[in-house]
C-alpha cells in the first residue's frame, strides 16, 4: 500500500507538470491554422481604398514559423518572428525573384500595391523589421486571414481560390 501510494503521487506530479507545460506552451504560440494552407489574396486596403487583385493566383504561404513567401508575378520571401501573444509577427530580410512577368496588370499590382503592403510603400527597405497583426476567421469551412500592417493597411486572404484566370468552354445539350 505504501509503494502504491508513493507511485500514485509520482504519477500525479508528472501529469500535473505535463499539464502545466502544455497549457503554457499553448498560451504562447501562434495560431497553427496560419500554416495549414496557401492563402489566396482577395483584397489589399490602402488608405481606405479596396484594391482587388487582377487575378486569383496571388497568395501568401507561411511555410514555417520562421518565413513566408508572397506570390504575384514574382515571389517575395521574408524572415518571420511570431510574437508570444498569438496575433503579432514581424518580418524582415526580404528577398525577391526577378522573373519576367507577361501580365502587365498583375506586375503593376504586385509592384505598386501588393509587395509594398509588406514594406513602407514610401520608403521600402528590405532590411528593416516591419510589424504586423493578423486574425483568422472561419465561416462555413472557409477561412479568412486578415493581416494588418503597421501603416494601417490590410491584406485580406481566403483559404480557397475565389477566381480563376483560365476557363473551359463546356458543351451543353
Foldseek 3Di string as FASTA:
>chain_A
DVVVVVVVVVVVVVVVVVVVVVVLVVQFDADCVLQVAKWWWQWKADPNDTDGAPFRPWTKHPPDQFKIWTDFQKIKIWTKHAGRRHWKIKTAQIDIDDDDGPDVSSVCCVLQPNVCQNAVNVDGDRHDIWMWTWDWDDDPRKIKIWIATPNRMIIITIRDRPGHPDDDDDDDD
